[in-house]
């Protein structure tokens, strides 16, 4: 997936199909890192909300994401 296409799905609850054939549901987002590169992450919508609200007592399941692994994406809720 290209970064320009990724922007249509960023921070929205989606269904993703990966190259491996797996289907996952959740939210993906981008964070800038050093030297003007970007890193991409994925988590469930609940974990993303807890992270966004900075609930310090919560445990988050956040996974690094390679955009090249996504073959299909569909927004299922905004």
PDB file of N, CA and C in Angstrom:
ATOM      1  N   UNK A   1       0.850  -1.169   0.000  1.00  0.00           N
ATOM      2  CA  UNK A   1       0.000   0.000   0.000  1.00  0.00           C
ATOM      3  C   UNK A   1       0.898   1.234   0.000  1.00  0.00           C
ATOM      4  N   UNK A   2       0.565   2.164  -0.832  1.00  0.00           N
ATOM      5  CA  UNK A   2       1.290   3.436  -0.907  1.00  0.00           C
ATOM      6  C   UNK A   2       0.884   4.341   0.249  1.00  0.00           C
ATOM      7  N   UNK A   3       1.790   5.214   0.654  1.00  0.00           N
ATOM      8  CA  UNK A   3       1.495   6.137   1.755  1.00  0.00           C
ATOM      9  C   UNK A   3       0.291   7.028   1.426  1.00  0.00           C
ATOM     10  N   UNK A   4       0.157   7.457   0.177  1.00  0.00           N
ATOM     11  CA  UNK A   4      -0.971   8.306  -0.215  1.00  0.00           C
ATOM     12  C   UNK A   4      -2.303   7.574  -0.050  1.00  0.00           C
ATOM     13  N   UNK A   5      -2.324   6.276  -0.315  1.00  0.00           N
ATOM     14  CA  UNK A   5      -3.539   5.474  -0.118  1.00  0.00           C
ATOM     15  C   UNK A   5      -3.760   5.233   1.366  1.00  0.00           C
ATOM     16  N   UNK A   6      -2.687   4.988   2.093  1.00  0.00           N
ATOM     17  CA  UNK A   6      -2.758   4.773   3.542  1.00  0.00           C
ATOM     18  C   UNK A   6      -3.497   5.911   4.232  1.00  0.00           C
ATOM     19  N   UNK A   7      -3.272   7.146   3.788  1.00  0.00           N
ATOM     20  CA  UNK A   7      -3.875   8.319   4.428  1.00  0.00           C
ATOM     21  C   UNK A   7      -5.408   8.250   4.410  1.00  0.00           C
ATOM     22  N   UNK A   8      -6.004   7.535   3.462  1.00  0.00           N
ATOM     23  CA  UNK A   8      -7.466   7.371   3.407  1.00  0.00           C
ATOM     24  C   UNK A   8      -8.000   6.486   4.528  1.00  0.00           C
ATOM     25  N   UNK A   9      -7.125   5.667   5.122  1.00  0.00           N
ATOM     26  CA  UNK A   9      -7.534   4.704   6.132  1.00  0.00           C
ATOM     27  C   UNK A   9      -6.972   5.006   7.514  1.00  0.00           C
ATOM     28  N   UNK A  10      -6.057   5.936   7.609  1.00  0.00           N
ATOM     29  CA  UNK A  10      -5.371   6.221   8.870  1.00  0.00           C
ATOM     30  C   UNK A  10      -6.350   6.644   9.960  1.00  0.00           C
ATOM     31  N   UNK A  11      -6.193   6.053  11.129  1.00  0.00           N
ATOM     32  CA  UNK A  11      -6.957   6.357  12.337  1.00  0.00           C
ATOM     33  C   UNK A  11      -8.463   6.143  12.166  1.00  0.00           C
ATOM     34  N   UNK A  12      -8.817   5.178  11.330  1.00  0.00           N
ATOM     35  CA  UNK A  12     -10.220   4.792  11.131  1.00  0.00           C
ATOM     36  C   UNK A  12     -10.322   3.282  11.313  1.00  0.00           C
ATOM     37  N   UNK A  13     -11.437   2.837  11.860  1.00  0.00           N
ATOM     38  CA  UNK A  13     -11.616   1.401  12.084  1.00  0.00           C
ATOM     39  C   UNK A  13     -11.816   0.727  10.727  1.00  0.00           C
ATOM     40  N   UNK A  14     -10.952  -0.227  10.427  1.00  0.00           N
ATOM     41  CA  UNK A  14     -10.947  -0.855   9.107  1.00  0.00           C
ATOM     42  C   UNK A  14     -10.782  -2.362   9.190  1.00  0.00           C
ATOM     43  N   UNK A  15     -11.043  -2.975   8.047  1.00  0.00           N
ATOM     44  CA  UNK A  15     -10.739  -4.386   7.839  1.00  0.00           C
ATOM     45  C   UNK A  15      -9.592  -4.418   6.845  1.00  0.00           C
ATOM     46  N   UNK A  16      -8.553  -5.179   7.164  1.00  0.00           N
ATOM     47  CA  UNK A  16      -7.380  -5.268   6.312  1.00  0.00           C
ATOM     48  C   UNK A  16      -7.146  -6.710   5.912  1.00  0.00           C
ATOM     49  N   UNK A  17      -6.754  -6.896   4.683  1.00  0.00           N
ATOM     50  CA  UNK A  17      -6.345  -8.214   4.226  1.00  0.00           C
ATOM     51  C   UNK A  17      -4.849  -8.138   3.941  1.00  0.00           C
ATOM     52  N   UNK A  18      -4.123  -9.084   4.516  1.00  0.00           N
ATOM     53  CA  UNK A  18      -2.673  -9.089   4.407  1.00  0.00           C
ATOM     54  C   UNK A  18      -2.227 -10.070   3.317  1.00  0.00           C
ATOM     55  N   UNK A  19      -0.995  -9.918   2.869  1.00  0.00           N
ATOM     56  CA  UNK A  19      -0.441 -10.823   1.857  1.00  0.00           C
ATOM     57  C   UNK A  19      -0.505 -12.276   2.291  1.00  0.00           C
ATOM     58  N   UNK A  20      -0.396 -12.498   3.585  1.00  0.00           N
ATOM     59  CA  UNK A  20      -0.434 -13.869   4.115  1.00  0.00           C
ATOM     60  C   UNK A  20      -1.823 -14.491   4.012  1.00  0.00           C
ATOM     61  N   UNK A  21      -2.840 -13.671   3.686  1.00  0.00           N
ATOM     62  CA  UNK A  21      -4.207 -14.159   3.607  1.00  0.00           C
ATOM     63  C   UNK A  21      -5.018 -13.856   4.853  1.00  0.00           C
ATOM     64  N   UNK A  22      -4.359 -13.421   5.913  1.00  0.00           N
ATOM     65  CA  UNK A  22      -5.064 -13.093   7.146  1.00  0.00           C
ATOM     66  C   UNK A  22      -5.889 -11.831   6.971  1.00  0.00           C
ATOM     67  N   UNK A  23      -7.040 -11.818   7.639  1.00  0.00           N
ATOM     68  CA  UNK A  23      -7.860 -10.614   7.724  1.00  0.00           C
ATOM     69  C   UNK A  23      -7.800 -10.118   9.155  1.00  0.00           C
ATOM     70  N   UNK A  24      -7.542  -8.836   9.311  1.00  0.00           N
ATOM     71  CA  UNK A  24      -7.476  -8.249  10.641  1.00  0.00           C
ATOM     72  C   UNK A  24      -8.365  -7.013  10.676  1.00  0.00           C
ATOM     73  N   UNK A  25      -8.852  -6.714  11.861  1.00  0.00           N
ATOM     74  CA  UNK A  25      -9.709  -5.561  12.076  1.00  0.00           C
ATOM     75  C   UNK A  25      -9.041  -4.663  13.099  1.00  0.00           C
ATOM     76  N   UNK A  26      -9.027  -3.372  12.837  1.00  0.00           N
ATOM     77  CA  UNK A  26      -8.428  -2.444  13.790  1.00  0.00           C
ATOM     78  C   UNK A  26      -8.107  -1.110  13.156  1.00  0.00           C
ATOM     79  N   UNK A  27      -7.152  -0.441  13.761  1.00  0.00           N
ATOM     80  CA  UNK A  27      -6.778   0.907  13.355  1.00  0.00           C
ATOM     81  C   UNK A  27      -5.282   0.942  13.093  1.00  0.00           C
ATOM     82  N   UNK A  28      -4.886   1.631  12.025  1.00  0.00           N
ATOM     83  CA  UNK A  28      -3.466   1.824  11.765  1.00  0.00           C
ATOM     84  C   UNK A  28      -3.180   3.321  11.741  1.00  0.00           C
ATOM     85  N   UNK A  29      -1.953   3.651  12.117  1.00  0.00           N
ATOM     86  CA  UNK A  29      -1.568   5.059  12.141  1.00  0.00           C
ATOM     87  C   UNK A  29      -0.084   5.180  11.867  1.00  0.00           C
ATOM     88  N   UNK A  30       0.309   6.426  11.635  1.00  0.00           N
ATOM     89  CA  UNK A  30       1.679   6.740  11.263  1.00  0.00           C
ATOM     90  C   UNK A  30       2.298   7.620  12.344  1.00  0.00           C
ATOM     91  N   UNK A  31       3.561   7.383  12.631  1.00  0.00           N
ATOM     92  CA  UNK A  31       4.315   8.245  13.533  1.00  0.00           C
ATOM     93  C   UNK A  31       5.635   8.563  12.863  1.00  0.00           C
ATOM     94  N   UNK A  32       6.051   9.808  12.978  1.00  0.00           N
ATOM     95  CA  UNK A  32       7.328  10.169  12.375  1.00  0.00           C
ATOM     96  C   UNK A  32       8.461   9.729  13.284  1.00  0.00           C
ATOM     97  N   UNK A  33       9.544   9.343  12.670  1.00  0.00           N
ATOM     98  CA  UNK A  33      10.733   8.959  13.426  1.00  0.00           C
ATOM     99  C   UNK A  33      11.862   9.893  12.996  1.00  0.00           C
ATOM    100  N   UNK A  34      13.036   9.588  13.406  1.00  0.00           N
ATOM    101  CA  UNK A  34      14.166  10.431  13.038  1.00  0.00           C
ATOM    102  C   UNK A  34      14.419  10.383  11.536  1.00  0.00           C
ATOM    103  N   UNK A  35      15.175  11.271  11.060  1.00  0.00           N
ATOM    104  CA  UNK A  35      15.574  11.428   9.649  1.00  0.00           C
ATOM    105  C   UNK A  35      14.401  11.420   8.660  1.00  0.00           C
ATOM    106  N   UNK A  36      13.275  12.056   9.048  1.00  0.00           N
ATOM    107  CA  UNK A  36      12.105  12.257   8.183  1.00  0.00           C
ATOM    108  C   UNK A  36      11.523  10.971   7.588  1.00  0.00           C
ATOM    109  N   UNK A  37      11.636   9.881   8.310  1.00  0.00           N
ATOM    110  CA  UNK A  37      10.991   8.636   7.895  1.00  0.00           C
ATOM    111  C   UNK A  37       9.781   8.419   8.780  1.00  0.00           C
ATOM    112  N   UNK A  38       8.915   7.544   8.338  1.00  0.00           N
ATOM    113  CA  UNK A  38       7.693   7.267   9.080  1.00  0.00           C
ATOM    114  C   UNK A  38       7.646   5.805   9.486  1.00  0.00           C
ATOM    115  N   UNK A  39       7.028   5.563  10.625  1.00  0.00           N
ATOM    116  CA  UNK A  39       6.768   4.205  11.096  1.00  0.00           C
ATOM    117  C   UNK A  39       5.263   4.035  11.174  1.00  0.00           C
ATOM    118  N   UNK A  40       4.817   2.827  10.911  1.00  0.00           N
ATOM    119  CA  UNK A  40       3.394   2.535  10.882  1.00  0.00           C
ATOM    120  C   UNK A  40       3.076   1.488  11.930  1.00  0.00           C
ATOM    121  N   UNK A  41       1.907   1.650  12.557  1.00  0.00           N
ATOM    122  CA  UNK A  41       1.494   0.767  13.634  1.00  0.00           C
ATOM    123  C   UNK A  41       0.045   0.357  13.454  1.00  0.00           C
ATOM    124  N   UNK A  42      -0.307  -0.749  14.083  1.00  0.00           N
ATOM    125  CA  UNK A  42      -1.650  -1.305  14.032  1.00  0.00           C
ATOM    126  C   UNK A  42      -2.046  -1.768  15.427  1.00  0.00           C
ATOM    127  N   UNK A  43      -3.304  -1.572  15.779  1.00  0.00           N
ATOM    128  CA  UNK A  43      -3.846  -2.139  17.017  1.00  0.00           C
ATOM    129  C   UNK A  43      -5.353  -2.251  16.895  1.00  0.00           C
ATOM    130  N   UNK A  44      -5.954  -2.888  17.878  1.00  0.00           N
ATOM    131  CA  UNK A  44      -7.412  -2.946  17.916  1.00  0.00           C
ATOM    132  C   UNK A  44      -7.931  -1.542  18.197  1.00  0.00           C
ATOM    133  N   UNK A  45      -9.182  -1.311  17.909  1.00  0.00           N
ATOM    134  CA  UNK A  45      -9.738   0.022  18.152  1.00  0.00           C
ATOM    135  C   UNK A  45      -9.745   0.355  19.639  1.00  0.00           C
ATOM    136  N   UNK A  46      -9.991  -0.637  20.493  1.00  0.00           N
ATOM    137  CA  UNK A  46      -9.987  -0.401  21.937  1.00  0.00           C
ATOM    138  C   UNK A  46      -8.609  -0.019  22.454  1.00  0.00           C
ATOM    139  N   UNK A  47      -7.581  -0.742  21.999  1.00  0.00           N
ATOM    140  CA  UNK A  47      -6.218  -0.415  22.418  1.00  0.00           C
ATOM    141  C   UNK A  47      -5.797   0.956  21.894  1.00  0.00           C
ATOM    142  N   UNK A  48      -6.213   1.267  20.676  1.00  0.00           N
ATOM    143  CA  UNK A  48      -5.873   2.580  20.118  1.00  0.00           C
ATOM    144  C   UNK A  48      -6.509   3.698  20.954  1.00  0.00           C
ATOM    145  N   UNK A  49      -7.766   3.523  21.361  1.00  0.00           N
ATOM    146  CA  UNK A  49      -8.434   4.541  22.181  1.00  0.00           C
ATOM    147  C   UNK A  49      -7.751   4.700  23.533  1.00  0.00           C
ATOM    148  N   UNK A  50      -7.347   3.593  24.141  1.00  0.00           N
ATOM    149  CA  UNK A  50      -6.638   3.674  25.421  1.00  0.00           C
ATOM    150  C   UNK A  50      -5.297   4.383  25.256  1.00  0.00           C
ATOM    151  N   UNK A  51      -4.607   4.096  24.166  1.00  0.00           N
ATOM    152  CA  UNK A  51      -3.339   4.770  23.894  1.00  0.00           C
ATOM    153  C   UNK A  51      -3.563   6.263  23.661  1.00  0.00           C
ATOM    154  N   UNK A  52      -4.581   6.579  22.879  1.00  0.00           N
ATOM    155  CA  UNK A  52      -4.895   7.970  22.558  1.00  0.00           C
ATOM    156  C   UNK A  52      -5.246   8.757  23.820  1.00  0.00           C
ATOM    157  N   UNK A  53      -5.950   8.130  24.744  1.00  0.00           N
ATOM    158  CA  UNK A  53      -6.337   8.788  25.993  1.00  0.00           C
ATOM    159  C   UNK A  53      -5.250   8.690  27.057  1.00  0.00           C
ATOM    160  N   UNK A  54      -4.150   8.025  26.708  1.00  0.00           N
ATOM    161  CA  UNK A  54      -2.985   7.899  27.593  1.00  0.00           C
ATOM    162  C   UNK A  54      -3.331   7.305  28.949  1.00  0.00           C
ATOM    163  N   UNK A  55      -4.105   6.248  28.921  1.00  0.00           N
ATOM    164  CA  UNK A  55      -4.437   5.549  30.157  1.00  0.00           C
ATOM    165  C   UNK A  55      -3.198   4.779  30.601  1.00  0.00           C
ATOM    166  N   UNK A  56      -2.555   5.246  31.607  1.00  0.00           N
ATOM    167  CA  UNK A  56      -1.262   4.714  32.021  1.00  0.00           C
ATOM    168  C   UNK A  56      -1.359   3.310  32.593  1.00  0.00           C
ATOM    169  N   UNK A  57      -2.504   2.936  33.120  1.00  0.00           N
ATOM    170  CA  UNK A  57      -2.621   1.610  33.721  1.00  0.00           C
ATOM    171  C   UNK A  57      -2.966   0.534  32.696  1.00  0.00           C
ATOM    172  N   UNK A  58      -3.275   0.955  31.488  1.00  0.00           N
ATOM    173  CA  UNK A  58      -3.691  -0.004  30.466  1.00  0.00           C
ATOM    174  C   UNK A  58      -2.486  -0.656  29.789  1.00  0.00           C
ATOM    175  N   UNK A  59      -2.672  -1.875  29.372  1.00  0.00           N
ATOM    176  CA  UNK A  59      -1.688  -2.559  28.544  1.00  0.00           C
ATOM    177  C   UNK A  59      -2.156  -2.454  27.105  1.00  0.00           C
ATOM    178  N   UNK A  60      -1.250  -2.139  26.230  1.00  0.00           N
ATOM    179  CA  UNK A  60      -1.610  -1.958  24.827  1.00  0.00           C
ATOM    180  C   UNK A  60      -0.997  -3.069  23.986  1.00  0.00           C
ATOM    181  N   UNK A  61      -1.756  -3.524  23.021  1.00  0.00           N
ATOM    182  CA  UNK A  61      -1.234  -4.456  22.022  1.00  0.00           C
ATOM    183  C   UNK A  61      -1.067  -3.652  20.740  1.00  0.00           C
ATOM    184  N   UNK A  62       0.139  -3.171  20.521  1.00  0.00           N
ATOM    185  CA  UNK A  62       0.450  -2.339  19.360  1.00  0.00           C
ATOM    186  C   UNK A  62       1.511  -3.066  18.544  1.00  0.00           C
ATOM    187  N   UNK A  63       1.271  -3.161  17.245  1.00  0.00           N
ATOM    188  CA  UNK A  63       2.159  -3.925  16.385  1.00  0.00           C
ATOM    189  C   UNK A  63       2.740  -3.035  15.290  1.00  0.00           C
ATOM    190  N   UNK A  64       4.036  -3.177  15.000  1.00  0.00           N
ATOM    191  CA  UNK A  64       4.599  -2.467  13.851  1.00  0.00           C
ATOM    192  C   UNK A  64       3.959  -3.013  12.580  1.00  0.00           C
ATOM    193  N   UNK A  65       3.815  -2.160  11.594  1.00  0.00           N
ATOM    194  CA  UNK A  65       3.111  -2.533  10.369  1.00  0.00           C
ATOM    195  C   UNK A  65       3.951  -2.158   9.160  1.00  0.00           C
ATOM    196  N   UNK A  66       4.053  -3.065   8.217  1.00  0.00           N
ATOM    197  CA  UNK A  66       4.713  -2.812   6.945  1.00  0.00           C
ATOM    198  C   UNK A  66       3.598  -2.595   5.917  1.00  0.00           C
ATOM    199  N   UNK A  67       3.526  -1.402   5.354  1.00  0.00           N
ATOM    200  CA  UNK A  67       2.455  -1.096   4.394  1.00  0.00           C
ATOM    201  C   UNK A  67       2.481  -2.017   3.181  1.00  0.00           C
ATOM    202  N   UNK A  68       3.633  -2.559   2.844  1.00  0.00           N
ATOM    203  CA  UNK A  68       3.732  -3.468   1.698  1.00  0.00           C
ATOM    204  C   UNK A  68       3.011  -4.790   1.934  1.00  0.00           C
ATOM    205  N   UNK A  69       2.682  -5.101   3.180  1.00  0.00           N
ATOM    206  CA  UNK A  69       1.992  -6.348   3.501  1.00  0.00           C
ATOM    207  C   UNK A  69       0.476  -6.248   3.328  1.00  0.00           C
ATOM    208  N   UNK A  70      -0.051  -5.042   3.185  1.00  0.00           N
ATOM    209  CA  UNK A  70      -1.499  -4.851   3.064  1.00  0.00           C
ATOM    210  C   UNK A  70      -1.896  -4.918   1.592  1.00  0.00           C
ATOM    211  N   UNK A  71      -2.828  -5.815   1.278  1.00  0.00           N
ATOM    212  CA  UNK A  71      -3.299  -5.938  -0.106  1.00  0.00           C
ATOM    213  C   UNK A  71      -4.696  -5.369  -0.291  1.00  0.00           C
ATOM    214  N   UNK A  72      -5.419  -5.185   0.807  1.00  0.00           N
ATOM    215  CA  UNK A  72      -6.785  -4.648   0.723  1.00  0.00           C
ATOM    216  C   UNK A  72      -7.139  -3.983   2.038  1.00  0.00           C
ATOM    217  N   UNK A  73      -7.857  -2.872   1.953  1.00  0.00           N
ATOM    218  CA  UNK A  73      -8.334  -2.196   3.152  1.00  0.00           C
ATOM    219  C   UNK A  73      -9.733  -1.665   2.890  1.00  0.00           C
ATOM    220  N   UNK A  74     -10.543  -1.707   3.952  1.00  0.00           N
ATOM    221  CA  UNK A  74     -11.927  -1.238   3.848  1.00  0.00           C
ATOM    222  C   UNK A  74     -12.317  -0.584   5.171  1.00  0.00           C
ATOM    223  N   UNK A  75     -12.819   0.631   5.095  1.00  0.00           N
ATOM    224  CA  UNK A  75     -13.293   1.322   6.297  1.00  0.00           C
ATOM    225  C   UNK A  75     -14.616   0.689   6.710  1.00  0.00           C
ATOM    226  N   UNK A  76     -14.715   0.283   7.980  1.00  0.00           N
ATOM    227  CA  UNK A  76     -15.976  -0.290   8.445  1.00  0.00           C
ATOM    228  C   UNK A  76     -16.673   0.610   9.453  1.00  0.00           C
ATOM    229  N   UNK A  77     -15.972   1.612   9.964  1.00  0.00           N
ATOM    230  CA  UNK A  77     -16.570   2.615  10.857  1.00  0.00           C
ATOM    231  C   UNK A  77     -15.630   3.813  10.889  1.00  0.00           C
ATOM    232  N   UNK A  78     -16.205   4.995  11.082  1.00  0.00           N
ATOM    233  CA  UNK A  78     -15.344   6.189  11.114  1.00  0.00           C
ATOM    234  C   UNK A  78     -15.012   6.616  12.515  1.00  0.00           C
TER     235      UNK A  78
END
